[in-house]
PDB file of N, CA and C in Angstrom:
ATOM      1  N   MET A   1       0.839  -1.163   0.000  1.00  0.00           N
ATOM      2  CA  MET A   1       0.000   0.000   0.000  1.00  0.00           C
ATOM      3  C   MET A   1       0.894   1.238   0.000  1.00  0.00           C
ATOM      4  N   VAL A   2       0.530   2.200  -0.800  1.00  0.00           N
ATOM      5  CA  VAL A   2       1.255   3.468  -0.875  1.00  0.00           C
ATOM      6  C   VAL A   2       0.302   4.569  -0.444  1.00  0.00           C
ATOM      7  N   LEU A   3       0.755   5.396   0.479  1.00  0.00           N
ATOM      8  CA  LEU A   3      -0.066   6.501   0.969  1.00  0.00           C
ATOM      9  C   LEU A   3       0.431   7.789   0.340  1.00  0.00           C
ATOM     10  N   GLY A   4      -0.478   8.579  -0.174  1.00  0.00           N
ATOM     11  CA  GLY A   4      -0.105   9.833  -0.813  1.00  0.00           C
ATOM     12  C   GLY A   4      -0.501  11.028   0.030  1.00  0.00           C
ATOM     13  N   GLY A   5       0.103  12.167  -0.270  1.00  0.00           N
ATOM     14  CA  GLY A   5      -0.245  13.412   0.408  1.00  0.00           C
ATOM     15  C   GLY A   5       0.840  13.891   1.342  1.00  0.00           C
ATOM     16  N   ALA A   6       0.468  14.865   2.156  1.00  0.00           N
ATOM     17  CA  ALA A   6       1.409  15.449   3.121  1.00  0.00           C
ATOM     18  C   ALA A   6       1.677  14.454   4.243  1.00  0.00           C
ATOM     19  N   ALA A   7       2.893  14.459   4.766  1.00  0.00           N
ATOM     20  CA  ALA A   7       3.260  13.542   5.848  1.00  0.00           C
ATOM     21  C   ALA A   7       3.196  14.276   7.175  1.00  0.00           C
ATOM     22  N   GLY A   8       1.987  14.520   7.653  1.00  0.00           N
ATOM     23  CA  GLY A   8       1.818  15.057   8.995  1.00  0.00           C
ATOM     24  C   GLY A   8       2.115  13.960   9.996  1.00  0.00           C
ATOM     25  N   PRO A   9       2.032  14.253  11.287  1.00  0.00           N
ATOM     26  CA  PRO A   9       2.384  13.249  12.299  1.00  0.00           C
ATOM     27  C   PRO A   9       1.610  11.935  12.167  1.00  0.00           C
ATOM     28  N   LYS A  10       0.297  11.985  12.005  1.00  0.00           N
ATOM     29  CA  LYS A  10      -0.500  10.756  11.915  1.00  0.00           C
ATOM     30  C   LYS A  10      -0.217  10.011  10.610  1.00  0.00           C
ATOM     31  N   THR A  11      -0.101  10.749   9.520  1.00  0.00           N
ATOM     32  CA  THR A  11       0.201  10.115   8.234  1.00  0.00           C
ATOM     33  C   THR A  11       1.565   9.443   8.280  1.00  0.00           C
ATOM     34  N   ALA A  12       2.551  10.099   8.870  1.00  0.00           N
ATOM     35  CA  ALA A  12       3.887   9.509   8.994  1.00  0.00           C
ATOM     36  C   ALA A  12       3.827   8.225   9.815  1.00  0.00           C
ATOM     37  N   GLU A  13       3.050   8.228  10.893  1.00  0.00           N
ATOM     38  CA  GLU A  13       2.888   7.014  11.708  1.00  0.00           C
ATOM     39  C   GLU A  13       2.252   5.896  10.888  1.00  0.00           C
ATOM     40  N   ASN A  14       1.215   6.230  10.119  1.00  0.00           N
ATOM     41  CA  ASN A  14       0.552   5.218   9.288  1.00  0.00           C
ATOM     42  C   ASN A  14       1.502   4.647   8.243  1.00  0.00           C
ATOM     43  N   ILE A  15       2.284   5.506   7.612  1.00  0.00           N
ATOM     44  CA  ILE A  15       3.246   5.040   6.608  1.00  0.00           C
ATOM     45  C   ILE A  15       4.249   4.088   7.252  1.00  0.00           C
ATOM     46  N   ALA A  16       4.764   4.459   8.413  1.00  0.00           N
ATOM     47  CA  ALA A  16       5.744   3.622   9.112  1.00  0.00           C
ATOM     48  C   ALA A  16       5.138   2.295   9.552  1.00  0.00           C
ATOM     49  N   GLU A  17       3.882   2.332   9.959  1.00  0.00           N
ATOM     50  CA  GLU A  17       3.255   1.136  10.515  1.00  0.00           C
ATOM     51  C   GLU A  17       2.810   0.125   9.461  1.00  0.00           C
ATOM     52  N   PHE A  18       2.176   0.588   8.373  1.00  0.00           N
ATOM     53  CA  PHE A  18       1.595  -0.412   7.478  1.00  0.00           C
ATOM     54  C   PHE A  18       1.709  -0.132   5.979  1.00  0.00           C
ATOM     55  N   CYS A  19       2.492   0.833   5.581  1.00  0.00           N
ATOM     56  CA  CYS A  19       2.597   1.134   4.142  1.00  0.00           C
ATOM     57  C   CYS A  19       3.904   0.628   3.541  1.00  0.00           C
ATOM     58  N   ASP A  20       3.855   0.414   2.245  1.00  0.00           N
ATOM     59  CA  ASP A  20       5.051   0.039   1.487  1.00  0.00           C
ATOM     60  C   ASP A  20       5.757   1.261   0.924  1.00  0.00           C
ATOM     61  N   GLY A  21       5.042   2.393   0.894  1.00  0.00           N
ATOM     62  CA  GLY A  21       5.645   3.586   0.330  1.00  0.00           C
ATOM     63  C   GLY A  21       4.825   4.836   0.562  1.00  0.00           C
ATOM     64  N   TRP A  22       5.378   5.935   0.070  1.00  0.00           N
ATOM     65  CA  TRP A  22       4.768   7.259   0.205  1.00  0.00           C
ATOM     66  C   TRP A  22       4.830   7.954  -1.143  1.00  0.00           C
ATOM     67  N   MET A  23       3.751   8.664  -1.502  1.00  0.00           N
ATOM     68  CA  MET A  23       3.731   9.432  -2.743  1.00  0.00           C
ATOM     69  C   MET A  23       3.291  10.868  -2.444  1.00  0.00           C
ATOM     70  N   PRO A  24       4.264  11.736  -2.153  1.00  0.00           N
ATOM     71  CA  PRO A  24       3.921  13.141  -1.932  1.00  0.00           C
ATOM     72  C   PRO A  24       3.689  13.859  -3.260  1.00  0.00           C
ATOM     73  N   LEU A  25       2.957  14.931  -3.190  1.00  0.00           N
ATOM     74  CA  LEU A  25       2.755  15.794  -4.356  1.00  0.00           C
ATOM     75  C   LEU A  25       3.820  16.863  -4.292  1.00  0.00           C
ATOM     76  N   GLY A  26       4.804  16.766  -5.164  1.00  0.00           N
ATOM     77  CA  GLY A  26       6.018  17.568  -5.105  1.00  0.00           C
ATOM     78  C   GLY A  26       5.865  19.058  -4.963  1.00  0.00           C
ATOM     79  N   GLU A  27       4.927  19.640  -5.654  1.00  0.00           N
ATOM     80  CA  GLU A  27       4.807  21.090  -5.622  1.00  0.00           C
ATOM     81  C   GLU A  27       3.988  21.595  -4.437  1.00  0.00           C
ATOM     82  N   LEU A  28       3.328  20.707  -3.718  1.00  0.00           N
ATOM     83  CA  LEU A  28       2.415  21.153  -2.670  1.00  0.00           C
ATOM     84  C   LEU A  28       2.939  20.996  -1.247  1.00  0.00           C
ATOM     85  N   TYR A  29       3.802  20.033  -1.009  1.00  0.00           N
ATOM     86  CA  TYR A  29       4.190  19.712   0.362  1.00  0.00           C
ATOM     87  C   TYR A  29       5.686  19.855   0.595  1.00  0.00           C
ATOM     88  N   ASP A  30       6.031  19.962   1.857  1.00  0.00           N
ATOM     89  CA  ASP A  30       7.425  20.028   2.289  1.00  0.00           C
ATOM     90  C   ASP A  30       7.993  18.607   2.278  1.00  0.00           C
ATOM     91  N   PHE A  31       8.652  18.245   1.193  1.00  0.00           N
ATOM     92  CA  PHE A  31       9.157  16.883   1.036  1.00  0.00           C
ATOM     93  C   PHE A  31      10.175  16.523   2.113  1.00  0.00           C
ATOM     94  N   GLU A  32      11.163  17.386   2.325  1.00  0.00           N
ATOM     95  CA  GLU A  32      12.209  17.085   3.307  1.00  0.00           C
ATOM     96  C   GLU A  32      11.623  16.951   4.711  1.00  0.00           C
ATOM     97  N   GLY A  33      10.704  17.835   5.067  1.00  0.00           N
ATOM     98  CA  GLY A  33      10.057  17.747   6.377  1.00  0.00           C
ATOM     99  C   GLY A  33       9.254  16.470   6.520  1.00  0.00           C
ATOM    100  N   GLY A  34       8.563  16.088   5.453  1.00  0.00           N
ATOM    101  CA  GLY A  34       7.791  14.848   5.471  1.00  0.00           C
ATOM    102  C   GLY A  34       8.679  13.630   5.620  1.00  0.00           C
ATOM    103  N   MET A  35       9.788  13.603   4.885  1.00  0.00           N
ATOM    104  CA  MET A  35      10.725  12.479   5.003  1.00  0.00           C
ATOM    105  C   MET A  35      11.281  12.382   6.411  1.00  0.00           C
ATOM    106  N   SER A  36      11.569  13.522   7.021  1.00  0.00           N
ATOM    107  CA  SER A  36      12.084  13.537   8.390  1.00  0.00           C
ATOM    108  C   SER A  36      11.063  12.929   9.353  1.00  0.00           C
ATOM    109  N   LYS A  37       9.798  13.309   9.216  1.00  0.00           N
ATOM    110  CA  LYS A  37       8.741  12.758  10.077  1.00  0.00           C
ATOM    111  C   LYS A  37       8.580  11.258   9.858  1.00  0.00           C
ATOM    112  N   ILE A  38       8.653  10.836   8.607  1.00  0.00           N
ATOM    113  CA  ILE A  38       8.509   9.412   8.302  1.00  0.00           C
ATOM    114  C   ILE A  38       9.682   8.620   8.872  1.00  0.00           C
ATOM    115  N   LYS A  39      10.894   9.141   8.756  1.00  0.00           N
ATOM    116  CA  LYS A  39      12.065   8.456   9.321  1.00  0.00           C
ATOM    117  C   LYS A  39      11.942   8.321  10.833  1.00  0.00           C
ATOM    118  N   GLU A  40      11.491   9.380  11.497  1.00  0.00           N
ATOM    119  CA  GLU A  40      11.286   9.326  12.950  1.00  0.00           C
ATOM    120  C   GLU A  40      10.226   8.291  13.305  1.00  0.00           C
ATOM    121  N   ALA A  41       9.128   8.276  12.549  1.00  0.00           N
ATOM    122  CA  ALA A  41       8.052   7.317  12.812  1.00  0.00           C
ATOM    123  C   ALA A  41       8.530   5.887  12.575  1.00  0.00           C
ATOM    124  N   CYS A  42       9.348   5.676  11.561  1.00  0.00           N
ATOM    125  CA  CYS A  42       9.898   4.344  11.301  1.00  0.00           C
ATOM    126  C   CYS A  42      10.797   3.894  12.452  1.00  0.00           C
ATOM    127  N   LYS A  43      11.634   4.807  12.932  1.00  0.00           N
ATOM    128  CA  LYS A  43      12.497   4.482  14.078  1.00  0.00           C
ATOM    129  C   LYS A  43      11.667   4.048  15.277  1.00  0.00           C
ATOM    130  N   ALA A  44      10.561   4.760  15.507  1.00  0.00           N
ATOM    131  CA  ALA A  44       9.710   4.481  16.670  1.00  0.00           C
ATOM    132  C   ALA A  44       9.094   3.084  16.626  1.00  0.00           C
ATOM    133  N   VAL A  45       8.891   2.537  15.421  1.00  0.00           N
ATOM    134  CA  VAL A  45       8.307   1.197  15.309  1.00  0.00           C
ATOM    135  C   VAL A  45       9.340   0.146  14.899  1.00  0.00           C
ATOM    136  N   GLY A  46      10.617   0.531  14.882  1.00  0.00           N
ATOM    137  CA  GLY A  46      11.682  -0.414  14.561  1.00  0.00           C
ATOM    138  C   GLY A  46      11.751  -0.801  13.093  1.00  0.00           C
ATOM    139  N   ARG A  47      11.392   0.117  12.236  1.00  0.00           N
ATOM    140  CA  ARG A  47      11.402  -0.160  10.796  1.00  0.00           C
ATOM    141  C   ARG A  47      12.493   0.647  10.106  1.00  0.00           C
ATOM    142  N   ASN A  48      13.129   0.042   9.120  1.00  0.00           N
ATOM    143  CA  ASN A  48      14.151   0.729   8.343  1.00  0.00           C
ATOM    144  C   ASN A  48      13.458   1.583   7.279  1.00  0.00           C
ATOM    145  N   PRO A  49      13.566   2.913   7.356  1.00  0.00           N
ATOM    146  CA  PRO A  49      12.866   3.763   6.390  1.00  0.00           C
ATOM    147  C   PRO A  49      13.367   3.613   4.954  1.00  0.00           C
ATOM    148  N   SER A  50      14.563   3.075   4.783  1.00  0.00           N
ATOM    149  CA  SER A  50      15.071   2.900   3.417  1.00  0.00           C
ATOM    150  C   SER A  50      14.334   1.785   2.672  1.00  0.00           C
ATOM    151  N   ASN A  51      13.524   0.998   3.390  1.00  0.00           N
ATOM    152  CA  ASN A  51      12.729  -0.041   2.741  1.00  0.00           C
ATOM    153  C   ASN A  51      11.442   0.501   2.124  1.00  0.00           C
ATOM    154  N   LEU A  52      11.117   1.750   2.395  1.00  0.00           N
ATOM    155  CA  LEU A  52       9.934   2.369   1.797  1.00  0.00           C
ATOM    156  C   LEU A  52      10.248   2.830   0.376  1.00  0.00           C
ATOM    157  N   VAL A  53       9.300   2.692  -0.511  1.00  0.00           N
ATOM    158  CA  VAL A  53       9.433   3.211  -1.867  1.00  0.00           C
ATOM    159  C   VAL A  53       8.773   4.584  -1.889  1.00  0.00           C
ATOM    160  N   VAL A  54       9.554   5.597  -2.219  1.00  0.00           N
ATOM    161  CA  VAL A  54       9.040   6.963  -2.262  1.00  0.00           C
ATOM    162  C   VAL A  54       8.945   7.393  -3.721  1.00  0.00           C
ATOM    163  N   SER A  55       7.731   7.738  -4.128  1.00  0.00           N
ATOM    164  CA  SER A  55       7.451   8.136  -5.509  1.00  0.00           C
ATOM    165  C   SER A  55       6.913   9.556  -5.509  1.00  0.00           C
ATOM    166  N   MET A  56       7.680  10.483  -6.015  1.00  0.00           N
ATOM    167  CA  MET A  56       7.282  11.894  -6.045  1.00  0.00           C
ATOM    168  C   MET A  56       6.429  12.177  -7.273  1.00  0.00           C
ATOM    169  N   PHE A  57       5.241  12.733  -7.048  1.00  0.00           N
ATOM    170  CA  PHE A  57       4.403  13.169  -8.162  1.00  0.00           C
ATOM    171  C   PHE A  57       4.780  14.600  -8.504  1.00  0.00           C
ATOM    172  N   LEU A  58       5.225  14.807  -9.728  1.00  0.00           N
ATOM    173  CA  LEU A  58       5.634  16.139 -10.187  1.00  0.00           C
ATOM    174  C   LEU A  58       4.720  16.589 -11.315  1.00  0.00           C
ATOM    175  N   ALA A  59       3.832  17.514 -11.023  1.00  0.00           N
ATOM    176  CA  ALA A  59       2.935  18.022 -12.057  1.00  0.00           C
ATOM    177  C   ALA A  59       3.701  18.860 -13.074  1.00  0.00           C
ATOM    178  N   LYS A  60       4.753  19.531 -12.616  1.00  0.00           N
ATOM    179  CA  LYS A  60       5.584  20.359 -13.501  1.00  0.00           C
ATOM    180  C   LYS A  60       7.047  19.947 -13.329  1.00  0.00           C
ATOM    181  N   PRO A  61       7.432  18.819 -13.927  1.00  0.00           N
ATOM    182  CA  PRO A  61       8.799  18.327 -13.732  1.00  0.00           C
ATOM    183  C   PRO A  61       9.842  19.196 -14.421  1.00  0.00           C
ATOM    184  N   SER A  62      11.034  19.156 -13.854  1.00  0.00           N
ATOM    185  CA  SER A  62      12.184  19.830 -14.452  1.00  0.00           C
ATOM    186  C   SER A  62      13.420  18.987 -14.156  1.00  0.00           C
ATOM    187  N   ILE A  63      14.479  19.219 -14.913  1.00  0.00           N
ATOM    188  CA  ILE A  63      15.724  18.483 -14.689  1.00  0.00           C
ATOM    189  C   ILE A  63      16.208  18.708 -13.261  1.00  0.00           C
ATOM    190  N   GLU A  64      16.139  19.940 -12.787  1.00  0.00           N
ATOM    191  CA  GLU A  64      16.625  20.264 -11.436  1.00  0.00           C
ATOM    192  C   GLU A  64      15.859  19.491 -10.369  1.00  0.00           C
ATOM    193  N   LYS A  65      14.549  19.408 -10.507  1.00  0.00           N
ATOM    194  CA  LYS A  65      13.743  18.681  -9.523  1.00  0.00           C
ATOM    195  C   LYS A  65      14.069  17.193  -9.536  1.00  0.00           C
ATOM    196  N   VAL A  66      14.144  16.614 -10.723  1.00  0.00           N
ATOM    197  CA  VAL A  66      14.355  15.172 -10.846  1.00  0.00           C
ATOM    198  C   VAL A  66      15.754  14.769 -10.385  1.00  0.00           C
ATOM    199  N   GLU A  67      16.771  15.530 -10.756  1.00  0.00           N
ATOM    200  CA  GLU A  67      18.149  15.177 -10.388  1.00  0.00           C
ATOM    201  C   GLU A  67      18.358  15.133  -8.881  1.00  0.00           C
ATOM    202  N   GLY A  68      17.666  15.954  -8.133  1.00  0.00           N
ATOM    203  CA  GLY A  68      17.867  16.004  -6.693  1.00  0.00           C
ATOM    204  C   GLY A  68      17.099  14.971  -5.896  1.00  0.00           C
ATOM    205  N   LEU A  69      16.195  14.239  -6.530  1.00  0.00           N
ATOM    206  CA  LEU A  69      15.332  13.321  -5.789  1.00  0.00           C
ATOM    207  C   LEU A  69      16.054  12.148  -5.124  1.00  0.00           C
ATOM    208  N   PRO A  70      16.965  11.429  -5.796  1.00  0.00           N
ATOM    209  CA  PRO A  70      17.602  10.284  -5.136  1.00  0.00           C
ATOM    210  C   PRO A  70      18.315  10.644  -3.832  1.00  0.00           C
ATOM    211  N   ALA A  71      18.988  11.764  -3.796  1.00  0.00           N
ATOM    212  CA  ALA A  71      19.699  12.171  -2.578  1.00  0.00           C
ATOM    213  C   ALA A  71      18.739  12.460  -1.433  1.00  0.00           C
ATOM    214  N   LYS A  72      17.486  12.749  -1.761  1.00  0.00           N
ATOM    215  CA  LYS A  72      16.479  13.045  -0.739  1.00  0.00           C
ATOM    216  C   LYS A  72      15.709  11.800  -0.310  1.00  0.00           C
ATOM    217  N   GLY A  73      16.021  10.656  -0.909  1.00  0.00           N
ATOM    218  CA  GLY A  73      15.350   9.413  -0.535  1.00  0.00           C
ATOM    219  C   GLY A  73      14.201   9.024  -1.445  1.00  0.00           C
ATOM    220  N   CYS A  74      14.100   9.671  -2.577  1.00  0.00           N
ATOM    221  CA  CYS A  74      13.015   9.395  -3.517  1.00  0.00           C
ATOM    222  C   CYS A  74      13.536   8.516  -4.650  1.00  0.00           C
ATOM    223  N   SER A  75      12.847   7.415  -4.913  1.00  0.00           N
ATOM    224  CA  SER A  75      13.330   6.474  -5.920  1.00  0.00           C
ATOM    225  C   SER A  75      12.582   6.552  -7.246  1.00  0.00           C
ATOM    226  N   ARG A  76      11.502   7.330  -7.296  1.00  0.00           N
ATOM    227  CA  ARG A  76      10.710   7.369  -8.522  1.00  0.00           C
ATOM    228  C   ARG A  76      10.041   8.728  -8.665  1.00  0.00           C
ATOM    229  N   ALA A  77       9.998   9.222  -9.892  1.00  0.00           N
ATOM    230  CA  ALA A  77       9.262  10.450 -10.199  1.00  0.00           C
ATOM    231  C   ALA A  77       8.110  10.096 -11.133  1.00  0.00           C
ATOM    232  N   ILE A  78       6.944  10.599 -10.822  1.00  0.00           N
ATOM    233  CA  ILE A  78       5.752  10.367 -11.635  1.00  0.00           C
ATOM    234  C   ILE A  78       5.349  11.704 -12.238  1.00  0.00           C
ATOM    235  N   PHE A  79       5.250  11.743 -13.558  1.00  0.00           N
ATOM    236  CA  PHE A  79       4.933  12.988 -14.258  1.00  0.00           C
ATOM    237  C   PHE A  79       3.464  13.023 -14.657  1.00  0.00           C
ATOM    238  N   TYR A  80       2.925  14.207 -14.681  1.00  0.00           N
ATOM    239  CA  TYR A  80       1.543  14.424 -15.098  1.00  0.00           C
ATOM    240  C   TYR A  80       1.433  14.361 -16.619  1.00  0.00           C
ATOM    241  N   LEU A  81       0.396  13.694 -17.084  1.00  0.00           N
ATOM    242  CA  LEU A  81       0.059  13.703 -18.508  1.00  0.00           C
ATOM    243  C   LEU A  81      -1.388  14.161 -18.641  1.00  0.00           C
ATOM    244  N   PRO A  82      -1.647  15.111 -19.501  1.00  0.00           N
ATOM    245  CA  PRO A  82      -3.025  15.568 -19.664  1.00  0.00           C
ATOM    246  C   PRO A  82      -3.884  14.496 -20.338  1.00  0.00           C
ATOM    247  N   ALA A  83      -5.133  14.443 -19.970  1.00  0.00           N
ATOM    248  CA  ALA A  83      -6.083  13.519 -20.602  1.00  0.00           C
ATOM    249  C   ALA A  83      -6.589  14.187 -21.877  1.00  0.00           C
ATOM    250  N   LYS A  84      -5.725  14.195 -22.862  1.00  0.00           N
ATOM    251  CA  LYS A  84      -6.007  14.893 -24.127  1.00  0.00           C
ATOM    252  C   LYS A  84      -5.692  13.966 -25.292  1.00  0.00           C
ATOM    253  N   SER A  85      -5.847  14.483 -26.470  1.00  0.00           N
ATOM    254  CA  SER A  85      -5.564  13.711 -27.681  1.00  0.00           C
ATOM    255  C   SER A  85      -4.052  13.544 -27.868  1.00  0.00           C
ATOM    256  N   ALA A  86      -3.704  12.644 -28.768  1.00  0.00           N
ATOM    257  CA  ALA A  86      -2.294  12.346 -29.024  1.00  0.00           C
ATOM    258  C   ALA A  86      -1.510  13.577 -29.459  1.00  0.00           C
ATOM    259  N   ASP A  87      -2.148  14.504 -30.161  1.00  0.00           N
ATOM    260  CA  ASP A  87      -1.412  15.685 -30.612  1.00  0.00           C
ATOM    261  C   ASP A  87      -1.000  16.589 -29.457  1.00  0.00           C
ATOM    262  N   VAL A  88      -1.600  16.401 -28.287  1.00  0.00           N
ATOM    263  CA  VAL A  88      -1.195  17.140 -27.083  1.00  0.00           C
ATOM    264  C   VAL A  88      -0.265  16.283 -26.222  1.00  0.00           C
ATOM    265  N   VAL A  89      -0.619  15.009 -26.061  1.00  0.00           N
ATOM    266  CA  VAL A  89       0.130  14.122 -25.166  1.00  0.00           C
ATOM    267  C   VAL A  89       1.524  13.794 -25.707  1.00  0.00           C
ATOM    268  N   LEU A  90       1.638  13.511 -26.984  1.00  0.00           N
ATOM    269  CA  LEU A  90       2.940  13.111 -27.538  1.00  0.00           C
ATOM    270  C   LEU A  90       4.006  14.195 -27.409  1.00  0.00           C
ATOM    271  N   PRO A  91       3.711  15.463 -27.687  1.00  0.00           N
ATOM    272  CA  PRO A  91       4.728  16.492 -27.447  1.00  0.00           C
ATOM    273  C   PRO A  91       5.096  16.623 -25.965  1.00  0.00           C
ATOM    274  N   THR A  92       4.129  16.386 -25.090  1.00  0.00           N
ATOM    275  CA  THR A  92       4.422  16.415 -23.653  1.00  0.00           C
ATOM    276  C   THR A  92       5.410  15.309 -23.312  1.00  0.00           C
ATOM    277  N   LEU A  93       5.163  14.106 -23.824  1.00  0.00           N
ATOM    278  CA  LEU A  93       6.088  12.988 -23.597  1.00  0.00           C
ATOM    279  C   LEU A  93       7.462  13.277 -24.189  1.00  0.00           C
ATOM    280  N   ASP A  94       7.497  13.868 -25.367  1.00  0.00           N
ATOM    281  CA  ASP A  94       8.781  14.232 -25.975  1.00  0.00           C
ATOM    282  C   ASP A  94       9.553  15.193 -25.076  1.00  0.00           C
ATOM    283  N   GLY A  95       8.857  16.136 -24.471  1.00  0.00           N
ATOM    284  CA  GLY A  95       9.501  17.072 -23.549  1.00  0.00           C
ATOM    285  C   GLY A  95      10.058  16.365 -22.326  1.00  0.00           C
ATOM    286  N   TYR A  96       9.350  15.347 -21.839  1.00  0.00           N
ATOM    287  CA  TYR A  96       9.821  14.604 -20.666  1.00  0.00           C
ATOM    288  C   TYR A  96      11.094  13.819 -20.953  1.00  0.00           C
ATOM    289  N   THR A  97      11.317  13.434 -22.213  1.00  0.00           N
ATOM    290  CA  THR A  97      12.540  12.687 -22.525  1.00  0.00           C
ATOM    291  C   THR A  97      13.789  13.528 -22.280  1.00  0.00           C
ATOM    292  N   LYS A  98      13.657  14.831 -22.313  1.00  0.00           N
ATOM    293  CA  LYS A  98      14.800  15.715 -22.036  1.00  0.00           C
ATOM    294  C   LYS A  98      15.136  15.746 -20.546  1.00  0.00           C
ATOM    295  N   ILE A  99      14.170  15.366 -19.725  1.00  0.00           N
ATOM    296  CA  ILE A  99      14.349  15.393 -18.272  1.00  0.00           C
ATOM    297  C   ILE A  99      14.921  14.072 -17.770  1.00  0.00           C
ATOM    298  N   MET A 100      14.577  12.977 -18.424  1.00  0.00           N
ATOM    299  CA  MET A 100      14.932  11.657 -17.918  1.00  0.00           C
ATOM    300  C   MET A 100      16.292  11.212 -18.360  1.00  0.00           C
TER     301      MET A 100
END
């Protein structure tokens, strides 16, 4: 199970107790603060936080955002794709290839 959203105290406890991962919304929440809370919650229950899969949702990805994720404990970036026709989606995907 992967829990998404901000990692407040209760959410961090839930992630540490019964989740396989966390999916924060990159542009909305304090990622570093959330990771800190999750690491503390994992310590409290005797769990290794490095076993969690962290997938950052980036609605507006950039090379700078993606390059810094592994050092922060994030193993995956998820990019937004509009629910549009191929003439809109394909150029968006082409743009993402420059980031990856």
